[in-house]
C-alpha atoms as a PDB file:
ATOM      1  CA  UNK A   1      30.444  21.721  26.375  1.00  0.00           C
ATOM      2  CA  UNK A   2      27.824  24.164  27.570  1.00  0.00           C
ATOM      3  CA  UNK A   3      28.285  27.323  29.520  1.00  0.00           C
ATOM      4  CA  UNK A   4      26.786  25.689  32.662  1.00  0.00           C
ATOM      5  CA  UNK A   5      29.226  22.780  32.388  1.00  0.00           C
ATOM      6  CA  UNK A   6      32.108  25.157  32.105  1.00  0.00           C
ATOM      7  CA  UNK A   7      31.050  27.122  35.071  1.00  0.00           C
ATOM      8  CA  UNK A   8      30.537  23.995  37.195  1.00  0.00           C
ATOM      9  CA  UNK A   9      33.985  22.826  36.129  1.00  0.00           C
ATOM     10  CA  UNK A  10      35.523  26.217  36.954  1.00  0.00           C
ATOM     11  CA  UNK A  11      33.876  26.341  40.351  1.00  0.00           C
ATOM     12  CA  UNK A  12      35.105  22.778  41.059  1.00  0.00           C
ATOM     13  CA  UNK A  13      38.666  23.739  40.187  1.00  0.00           C
ATOM     14  CA  UNK A  14      38.483  26.896  42.291  1.00  0.00           C
ATOM     15  CA  UNK A  15      37.049  25.029  45.309  1.00  0.00           C
ATOM     16  CA  UNK A  16      39.606  22.249  45.001  1.00  0.00           C
ATOM     17  CA  UNK A  17      42.448  24.779  44.933  1.00  0.00           C
ATOM     18  CA  UNK A  18      40.822  26.532  47.906  1.00  0.00           C
ATOM     19  CA  UNK A  19      40.652  23.335  49.940  1.00  0.00           C
ATOM     20  CA  UNK A  20      44.245  22.455  48.944  1.00  0.00           C
ATOM     21  CA  UNK A  21      45.499  25.841  50.225  1.00  0.00           C
ATOM     22  CA  UNK A  22      43.399  25.575  53.336  1.00  0.00           C
ATOM     23  CA  UNK A  23      45.024  22.235  54.072  1.00  0.00           C
ATOM     24  CA  UNK A  24      48.533  23.669  53.554  1.00  0.00           C
ATOM     25  CA  UNK A  25      47.722  26.615  55.795  1.00  0.00           C
ATOM     26  CA  UNK A  26      46.551  24.359  58.572  1.00  0.00           C
ATOM     27  CA  UNK A  27      49.712  22.164  58.264  1.00  0.00           C
ATOM     28  CA  UNK A  28      51.903  25.359  58.329  1.00  0.00           C
ATOM     29  CA  UNK A  29      49.966  26.548  61.470  1.00  0.00           C
ATOM     30  CA  UNK A  30      50.541  23.176  63.235  1.00  0.00           C
ATOM     31  CA  UNK A  31      54.214  23.286  62.445  1.00  0.00           C
ATOM     32  CA  UNK A  32      54.409  26.874  63.756  1.00  0.00           C
ATOM     33  CA  UNK A  33      52.708  26.013  67.046  1.00  0.00           C
ATOM     34  CA  UNK A  34      55.070  23.009  67.463  1.00  0.00           C
ATOM     35  CA  UNK A  35      58.073  25.269  66.806  1.00  0.00           C
ATOM     36  CA  UNK A  36      56.766  27.702  69.457  1.00  0.00           C
ATOM     37  CA  UNK A  37      56.410  24.912  72.049  1.00  0.00           C
ATOM     38  CA  UNK A  38      59.885  23.635  71.154  1.00  0.00           C
ATOM     39  CA  UNK A  39      61.417  27.121  71.503  1.00  0.00           C
ATOM     40  CA  UNK A  40      59.658  27.644  74.889  1.00  0.00           C
ATOM     41  CA  UNK A  41      61.037  24.266  76.068  1.00  0.00           C
ATOM     42  CA  UNK A  42      64.550  25.211  74.892  1.00  0.00           C
ATOM     43  CA  UNK A  43      64.365  28.556  76.743  1.00  0.00           C
ATOM     44  CA  UNK A  44      63.447  26.783  79.970  1.00  0.00           C
ATOM     45  CA  UNK A  45      66.332  24.289  79.417  1.00  0.00           C
ATOM     46  CA  UNK A  46      68.825  27.106  78.800  1.00  0.00           C
ATOM     47  CA  UNK A  47      67.591  29.047  81.854  1.00  0.00           C
ATOM     48  CA  UNK A  48      68.070  25.912  84.026  1.00  0.00           C
ATOM     49  CA  UNK A  49      71.388  24.814  82.512  1.00  0.00           C
ATOM     50  CA  UNK A  50      73.469  27.773  81.593  1.00  0.00           C
ATOM     51  CA  UNK A  51      74.996  30.613  83.605  1.00  0.00           C
ATOM     52  CA  UNK A  52      72.916  32.482  86.128  1.00  0.00           C
ATOM     53  CA  UNK A  53      73.648  36.087  87.177  1.00  0.00           C
ATOM     54  CA  UNK A  54      74.799  35.013  90.663  1.00  0.00           C
ATOM     55  CA  UNK A  55      77.183  32.454  89.028  1.00  0.00           C
ATOM     56  CA  UNK A  56      78.550  35.112  86.687  1.00  0.00           C
ATOM     57  CA  UNK A  57      79.189  37.425  89.589  1.00  0.00           C
ATOM     58  CA  UNK A  58      80.970  34.675  91.504  1.00  0.00           C
ATOM     59  CA  UNK A  59      83.203  33.895  88.564  1.00  0.00           C
ATOM     60  CA  UNK A  60      83.946  37.594  87.951  1.00  0.00           C
ATOM     61  CA  UNK A  61      84.890  37.968  91.664  1.00  0.00           C
ATOM     62  CA  UNK A  62      87.261  34.963  91.394  1.00  0.00           C
ATOM     63  CA  UNK A  63      88.969  36.480  88.314  1.00  0.00           C
ATOM     64  CA  UNK A  64      89.382  39.829  89.872  1.00  0.00           C
ATOM     65  CA  UNK A  65      90.926  38.197  92.959  1.00  0.00           C
ATOM     66  CA  UNK A  66      93.380  36.306  90.671  1.00  0.00           C
ATOM     67  CA  UNK A  67      94.308  39.415  88.797  1.00  0.00           C
ATOM     68  CA  UNK A  68      94.787  41.236  92.048  1.00  0.00           C
ATOM     69  CA  UNK A  69      97.128  38.392  93.146  1.00  0.00           C
ATOM     70  CA  UNK A  70      99.192  38.640  89.979  1.00  0.00           C
ATOM     71  CA  UNK A  71      99.413  42.469  90.505  1.00  0.00           C
ATOM     72  CA  UNK A  72     100.674  41.985  94.074  1.00  0.00           C
ATOM     73  CA  UNK A  73     103.315  39.595  92.895  1.00  0.00           C
ATOM     74  CA  UNK A  74     104.472  42.023  90.258  1.00  0.00           C
ATOM     75  CA  UNK A  75     104.639  44.796  92.942  1.00  0.00           C
ATOM     76  CA  UNK A  76     106.655  42.497  95.189  1.00  0.00           C
ATOM     77  CA  UNK A  77     109.049  41.642  92.445  1.00  0.00           C
ATOM     78  CA  UNK A  78     109.486  45.366  91.732  1.00  0.00           C
ATOM     79  CA  UNK A  79     110.332  46.034  95.400  1.00  0.00           C
ATOM     80  CA  UNK A  80     112.844  43.091  95.432  1.00  0.00           C
ATOM     81  CA  UNK A  81     114.504  44.507  92.333  1.00  0.00           C
ATOM     82  CA  UNK A  82     114.723  47.947  93.868  1.00  0.00           C
ATOM     83  CA  UNK A  83     116.381  46.457  97.006  1.00  0.00           C
ATOM     84  CA  UNK A  84     118.785  44.413  94.914  1.00  0.00           C
ATOM     85  CA  UNK A  85     120.009  47.532  93.108  1.00  0.00           C
ATOM     86  CA  UNK A  86     120.264  49.466  96.343  1.00  0.00           C
ATOM     87  CA  UNK A  87     122.588  46.882  97.772  1.00  0.00           C
ATOM     88  CA  UNK A  88     124.934  46.783  94.857  1.00  0.00           C
ATOM     89  CA  UNK A  89     128.050  48.798  95.750  1.00  0.00           C
ATOM     90  CA  UNK A  90     129.152  51.311  93.136  1.00  0.00           C
ATOM     91  CA  UNK A  91     132.054  50.063  91.039  1.00  0.00           C
ATOM     92  CA  UNK A  92     135.259  51.828  91.447  1.00  0.00           C
ATOM     93  CA  UNK A  93     136.923  52.951  88.282  1.00  0.00           C
ATOM     94  CA  UNK A  94     140.694  52.865  88.348  1.00  0.00           C
END
């Protein structure tokens, strides 16, 4: 094999490797762009489907009203217990 043949073979191998890598890079770029589009679509879906700020504020207000109601019932129970003990006459000891 001559030096020219070796150089041609070497250049052919390098160019084949370059074109293979170029194809892989283009494929990866296409997959990345598709992933970006998919992520953008998911973000839109999540924004449309899941909780909004106004919805969260409404739920928080409902929870706070429910907790306040429980607190009022506990206060009422406390007052009834106080009245029950006030009415109890003192026991006489003989």
